[in-house]
Amino acid sequence: MTFYRLEELFPNELQARLEQRPILVLPFGTIEWHSHHLPLGLDGLLAEDLGARVADLADAVLAPVSYWAVGGVPFPYTLNLPASVIEPLLIAVFEQFGAMGFRVIVGFTGHFGLEQTLTLKRAALAVMARSPVTILPVTEYDLTTDAGYQGDHAATGETSLLWSLRPDLVRLDAVPPDRPLDGVLGADPRGTASPEQGRAWVEAIASRTAAVAARLLEATPPVQRSAWQEALAAGVRVLEKTAEARRVLPKNQVPSITTPAYLAYCQAVYQGDYRAAKTHAEQKLADLNA
């Protein structure tokens, strides 16, 4: 297998890819504070490298990484772009790549705050409702929730992933060990992160995402595609309800996205059981409404 960088292809080469393997991997990141020990562009760096591995395994085309995404943590040196700007952009991008001839688009985001995740998935759902293109909008952790990685921010997970890919950009000694790493959401990576763990997660993320992309291209007839849309729509409703609750309640009073029902939803999506995924999402929504 190999992958092809979209920006380096000549017209005849792109046409050949569209005829032979019309899968596009589209990575997303942002510029955002990731404490003192990680670079501001971590999300995009991970998305680009993981996206290249996905494209390699899926024999797909890799688009350039985009650093324009929704939301960000309340720390300095952080872009915080609104959904009202990014969602129409994503819709236009998905539509135009679909019109170009890609049959499957993997929207892979290394920046996975609630706002970005919701915006990405909602844009994918809107385009699939009126276009034949099939879109897989996923965060780093969507397809690996049963493999020990459920996402974090500058904590064990992101630190381990970057450590395995770009060890020169991980500086765990940036502050004295008795001082906190400001802005970490999750376990302190000092003593918990490792390049070995990162490599295992890289392999799981890349192989699983590539497998689902291949399934969507090769083994997803119209009825199954419709079931995927329904499952995605149910997941979007969960994210919308969670976002609505966070607007009126303190964050610590709103259940985490990654409850057992939502994790089961993610696992069912990975397994291709879209009807079960929809059921799990509806259970998560019922829990939020309780």
Protein backbone atom coordinates (compact mmCIF):
# COMPACT_ATOMS: atom_id res chain seq x y z
CA MET A 1 0.00 0.00 0.00
CA THR A 2 0.97 3.63 -0.35
CA PHE A 3 -0.58 7.05 -0.13
CA TYR A 4 -0.66 10.04 -2.41
CA ARG A 5 -0.37 13.66 -1.31
CA LEU A 6 -3.16 15.56 -3.00
CA GLU A 7 -1.14 18.75 -3.46
CA GLU A 8 1.62 16.83 -5.28
CA LEU A 9 -0.60 14.98 -7.74
CA PHE A 10 -0.87 15.94 -11.40
CA PRO A 11 -4.36 15.90 -12.98
CA ASN A 12 -3.86 12.54 -14.68
CA GLU A 13 -2.55 11.04 -11.45
CA LEU A 14 -5.55 12.25 -9.46
CA GLN A 15 -7.89 10.88 -12.12
CA ALA A 16 -6.20 7.51 -11.80
CA ARG A 17 -6.68 7.52 -8.04
CA LEU A 18 -10.35 8.46 -8.41
CA GLU A 19 -10.83 5.52 -10.76
CA GLN A 20 -8.88 3.03 -8.67
CA ARG A 21 -9.33 4.03 -5.01
CA PRO A 22 -11.48 7.15 -4.45
CA ILE A 23 -10.78 7.63 -0.72
CA LEU A 24 -9.61 10.99 0.66
CA VAL A 25 -8.16 11.47 4.14
CA LEU A 26 -8.69 15.04 5.33
CA PRO A 27 -6.87 15.87 8.61
CA PHE A 28 -7.81 18.72 10.95
CA GLY A 29 -5.98 20.42 13.82
CA THR A 30 -5.73 23.85 15.38
CA ILE A 31 -3.33 26.19 17.18
CA GLU A 32 -3.94 25.69 20.88
CA TRP A 33 -2.24 25.71 24.27
CA HIS A 34 -1.10 22.20 25.20
CA SER A 35 0.58 23.12 28.46
CA HIS A 36 4.31 23.83 28.71
CA HIS A 37 5.56 20.47 27.47
CA LEU A 38 3.87 20.21 24.05
CA PRO A 39 3.78 22.47 20.96
CA LEU A 40 0.85 24.69 20.04
CA GLY A 41 0.22 22.79 16.81
CA LEU A 42 0.05 19.35 18.42
CA ASP A 43 -3.47 18.59 17.15
CA GLY A 44 -2.55 19.24 13.54
CA LEU A 45 0.81 17.50 13.82
CA LEU A 46 -0.88 14.36 15.11
CA ALA A 47 -3.72 14.57 12.59
CA GLU A 48 -1.30 14.92 9.68
CA ASP A 49 0.95 12.05 10.75
CA LEU A 50 -1.90 9.75 11.73
CA GLY A 51 -3.75 10.76 8.56
CA ALA A 52 -0.73 9.76 6.48
CA ARG A 53 -0.69 6.36 8.15
CA VAL A 54 -4.42 5.93 7.55
CA ALA A 55 -3.97 6.90 3.90
CA ASP A 56 -1.05 4.50 3.55
CA LEU A 57 -3.05 1.56 4.92
CA ALA A 58 -6.14 2.46 2.91
CA ASP A 59 -4.21 3.21 -0.31
CA ALA A 60 -5.87 6.62 -0.22
CA VAL A 61 -5.15 10.24 -1.09
CA LEU A 62 -4.02 12.51 1.76
CA ALA A 63 -5.18 16.14 1.74
CA PRO A 64 -3.13 18.90 3.38
CA VAL A 65 -3.84 19.35 7.08
CA SER A 66 -6.16 22.24 7.98
CA TYR A 67 -5.47 24.23 11.15
CA TRP A 68 -8.86 25.96 11.12
CA ALA A 69 -11.18 24.33 13.64
CA VAL A 70 -13.81 25.25 16.22
CA GLY A 71 -13.15 26.22 19.81
CA GLY A 72 -10.18 25.97 22.12
CA VAL A 73 -9.09 25.92 25.74
CA PRO A 74 -9.14 29.16 27.79
CA PHE A 75 -5.37 29.63 27.71
CA PRO A 76 -3.04 31.92 25.74
CA TYR A 77 -1.87 31.35 22.18
CA THR A 78 -5.09 29.57 21.24
CA LEU A 79 -7.30 30.03 18.21
CA ASN A 80 -10.98 29.95 19.12
CA LEU A 81 -12.90 30.05 15.86
CA PRO A 82 -16.72 29.94 15.87
CA ALA A 83 -18.80 27.12 14.44
CA SER A 84 -20.68 29.71 12.36
CA VAL A 85 -17.45 30.20 10.36
CA ILE A 86 -16.09 26.65 10.28
CA GLU A 87 -19.24 24.60 9.68
CA PRO A 88 -20.09 26.22 6.31
CA LEU A 89 -16.44 25.82 5.33
CA LEU A 90 -16.49 22.11 6.14
CA ILE A 91 -19.74 21.63 4.24
CA ALA A 92 -18.28 23.33 1.18
CA VAL A 93 -15.05 21.33 1.39
CA PHE A 94 -16.86 18.00 1.75
CA GLU A 95 -19.23 18.84 -1.09
CA GLN A 96 -16.49 19.92 -3.46
CA PHE A 97 -14.27 16.92 -2.80
CA GLY A 98 -17.31 14.71 -3.33
CA ALA A 99 -18.04 16.48 -6.61
CA MET A 100 -14.39 16.00 -7.56
CA GLY A 101 -14.99 12.26 -7.54
CA PHE A 102 -14.05 10.99 -4.10
CA ARG A 103 -16.59 8.43 -2.90
CA VAL A 104 -15.35 8.23 0.71
CA ILE A 105 -13.93 11.09 2.77
CA VAL A 106 -12.32 10.52 6.17
CA GLY A 107 -12.62 13.75 8.17
CA PHE A 108 -9.97 13.02 10.81
CA THR A 109 -9.66 15.57 13.60
CA GLY A 110 -6.81 15.72 16.09
CA HIS A 111 -8.61 18.64 17.77
CA PHE A 112 -11.61 17.05 19.44
CA GLY A 113 -13.23 19.45 21.85
CA LEU A 114 -17.00 19.09 21.90
CA GLU A 115 -17.59 22.04 19.57
CA GLN A 116 -15.19 20.80 16.88
CA THR A 117 -16.43 17.22 17.11
CA LEU A 118 -20.05 18.32 16.78
CA THR A 119 -19.31 20.71 13.91
CA LEU A 120 -17.36 18.10 11.94
CA LYS A 121 -20.00 15.41 12.33
CA ARG A 122 -22.90 17.76 11.66
CA ALA A 123 -21.27 19.02 8.46
CA ALA A 124 -20.69 15.44 7.31
CA LEU A 125 -24.31 14.56 8.00
CA ALA A 126 -25.58 17.58 6.08
CA VAL A 127 -23.51 16.74 3.00
CA MET A 128 -24.39 13.06 2.98
CA ALA A 129 -28.09 13.96 3.02
CA ARG A 130 -27.76 15.62 -0.40
CA SER A 131 -24.67 14.05 -1.96
CA PRO A 132 -23.66 10.46 -2.81
CA VAL A 133 -20.30 10.87 -1.05
CA THR A 134 -19.91 8.85 2.17
CA ILE A 135 -18.10 10.62 5.00
CA LEU A 136 -16.41 9.19 8.08
CA PRO A 137 -15.98 12.10 10.53
CA VAL A 138 -13.88 10.84 13.44
CA THR A 139 -11.74 12.02 16.31
CA GLU A 140 -8.51 10.30 17.24
CA TYR A 141 -10.29 8.19 19.84
CA ASP A 142 -13.64 7.38 18.21
CA LEU A 143 -12.55 3.98 16.95
CA THR A 144 -10.20 3.04 19.82
CA THR A 145 -12.39 3.44 22.91
CA ASP A 146 -12.00 -0.26 23.70
CA ALA A 147 -8.23 -0.13 23.19
CA GLY A 148 -7.38 2.08 26.13
CA TYR A 149 -7.45 5.49 24.45
CA GLN A 150 -10.45 7.76 24.96
CA GLY A 151 -8.87 11.13 24.30
CA ASP A 152 -7.45 13.77 26.62
CA HIS A 153 -5.79 17.18 26.39
CA ALA A 154 -2.01 17.33 26.77
CA ALA A 155 -2.20 14.41 29.19
CA THR A 156 -1.02 10.79 28.93
CA GLY A 157 -2.69 10.15 25.58
CA GLU A 158 -1.66 13.13 23.48
CA THR A 159 1.78 13.20 25.05
CA SER A 160 2.37 9.51 24.31
CA LEU A 161 1.14 9.86 20.74
CA LEU A 162 3.42 12.79 19.93
CA TRP A 163 6.32 11.19 21.82
CA SER A 164 6.10 8.17 19.54
CA LEU A 165 5.95 10.30 16.37
CA ARG A 166 7.96 13.44 17.15
CA PRO A 167 10.06 12.88 20.30
CA ASP A 168 11.91 16.12 19.59
CA LEU A 169 8.68 18.02 20.35
CA VAL A 170 7.96 16.56 23.81
CA ARG A 171 9.58 18.45 26.70
CA LEU A 172 8.43 16.88 29.96
CA ASP A 173 11.18 18.76 31.79
CA ALA A 174 9.78 22.14 30.70
CA VAL A 175 8.77 22.95 34.27
CA PRO A 176 10.15 21.62 37.59
CA PRO A 177 8.54 18.33 38.67
CA ASP A 178 6.90 19.97 41.69
CA ARG A 179 5.04 22.51 39.52
CA PRO A 180 1.80 21.73 37.70
CA LEU A 181 1.50 21.47 33.93
CA ASP A 182 -1.14 24.12 33.37
CA GLY A 183 -4.02 23.19 31.09
CA VAL A 184 -3.66 19.43 31.18
CA LEU A 185 -7.04 17.68 31.06
CA GLY A 186 -6.43 14.12 32.18
CA ALA A 187 -3.61 12.31 33.95
CA ASP A 188 -0.32 14.13 34.47
CA PRO A 189 1.87 12.76 31.65
CA ARG A 190 4.97 12.80 33.82
CA GLY A 191 5.38 9.19 34.78
CA THR A 192 2.36 7.97 32.80
CA ALA A 193 3.16 8.80 29.16
CA SER A 194 5.57 6.76 27.07
CA PRO A 195 6.57 6.41 23.41
CA GLU A 196 5.82 2.68 23.62
CA GLN A 197 2.22 3.34 24.61
CA GLY A 198 2.02 5.99 21.92
CA ARG A 199 3.17 3.56 19.25
CA ALA A 200 0.50 1.05 20.26
CA TRP A 201 -2.21 3.70 20.04
CA VAL A 202 -0.88 5.01 16.71
CA GLU A 203 -1.14 1.51 15.28
CA ALA A 204 -4.68 1.03 16.60
CA ILE A 205 -5.93 4.42 15.42
CA ALA A 206 -4.43 4.14 11.94
CA SER A 207 -5.36 0.51 11.27
CA ARG A 208 -8.93 0.84 12.53
CA THR A 209 -9.64 4.09 10.70
CA ALA A 210 -8.25 2.66 7.47
CA ALA A 211 -10.33 -0.50 7.88
CA VAL A 212 -13.56 1.45 8.35
CA ALA A 213 -12.77 3.69 5.37
CA ALA A 214 -12.18 0.62 3.21
CA ARG A 215 -15.44 -0.90 4.41
CA LEU A 216 -17.36 2.24 3.54
CA LEU A 217 -15.93 2.12 0.01
CA GLU A 218 -16.09 -1.61 -0.67
CA ALA A 219 -18.88 -3.05 1.44
CA THR A 220 -21.48 -0.39 2.10
CA PRO A 221 -24.51 -0.74 -0.18
CA PRO A 222 -27.27 1.91 -0.07
CA VAL A 223 -29.19 0.27 2.79
CA GLN A 224 -26.04 0.07 4.91
CA ARG A 225 -25.11 3.64 4.03
CA SER A 226 -28.54 4.76 5.21
CA ALA A 227 -27.99 2.90 8.48
CA TRP A 228 -24.63 4.71 8.86
CA GLN A 229 -26.35 8.06 8.34
CA GLU A 230 -28.94 7.22 10.98
CA ALA A 231 -26.23 6.18 13.44
CA LEU A 232 -24.26 9.36 12.76
CA ALA A 233 -27.40 11.47 13.19
CA ALA A 234 -28.08 9.82 16.56
CA GLY A 235 -24.52 10.59 17.66
CA VAL A 236 -24.91 14.21 16.54
CA ARG A 237 -28.06 14.52 18.67
CA VAL A 238 -26.05 13.34 21.68
CA LEU A 239 -23.35 15.94 21.04
CA GLU A 240 -25.93 18.68 20.51
CA LYS A 241 -27.70 17.81 23.77
CA THR A 242 -24.40 17.79 25.64
CA ALA A 243 -23.43 21.16 24.17
CA GLU A 244 -26.84 22.58 25.11
CA ALA A 245 -26.43 21.35 28.70
CA ARG A 246 -22.96 22.87 28.96
CA ARG A 247 -24.34 26.26 27.93
CA VAL A 248 -26.62 26.39 30.98
CA LEU A 249 -24.80 24.27 33.57
CA PRO A 250 -21.25 24.15 34.92
CA LYS A 251 -19.20 21.62 32.97
CA ASN A 252 -18.73 19.43 36.05
CA GLN A 253 -22.51 19.00 36.27
CA VAL A 254 -22.84 17.68 32.73
CA PRO A 255 -22.05 13.98 32.19
CA SER A 256 -18.91 13.27 30.19
CA ILE A 257 -19.31 12.32 26.58
CA THR A 258 -17.43 9.08 27.21
CA THR A 259 -20.02 7.29 29.34
CA PRO A 260 -20.52 3.53 28.81
CA ALA A 261 -23.40 4.11 26.38
CA TYR A 262 -21.36 6.47 24.18
CA LEU A 263 -18.31 4.20 24.30
CA ALA A 264 -20.55 1.33 23.16
CA TYR A 265 -21.79 3.59 20.35
CA CYS A 266 -18.21 4.19 19.21
CA GLN A 267 -17.36 0.49 19.34
CA ALA A 268 -20.45 -0.43 17.32
CA VAL A 269 -19.48 2.13 14.66
CA TYR A 270 -16.04 0.56 14.42
CA GLN A 271 -17.57 -2.91 14.10
CA GLY A 272 -19.98 -1.74 11.39
CA ASP A 273 -23.09 -2.50 13.44
CA TYR A 274 -24.79 0.82 12.73
CA ARG A 275 -28.17 -0.21 14.08
CA ALA A 276 -26.62 -1.11 17.41
CA ALA A 277 -24.68 2.17 17.33
CA LYS A 278 -27.93 4.09 16.90
CA THR A 279 -29.47 2.23 19.84
CA HIS A 280 -26.50 3.03 22.09
CA ALA A 281 -26.61 6.71 21.08
CA GLU A 282 -30.33 6.83 21.85
CA GLN A 283 -29.59 5.36 25.30
CA LYS A 284 -26.95 8.03 25.88
CA LEU A 285 -29.48 10.68 24.85
CA ALA A 286 -32.06 9.22 27.24
CA ASP A 287 -29.47 9.38 30.04
CA LEU A 288 -28.85 13.06 29.27
CA ASN A 289 -32.57 13.79 29.31
CA ALA A 290 -33.13 11.99 32.60
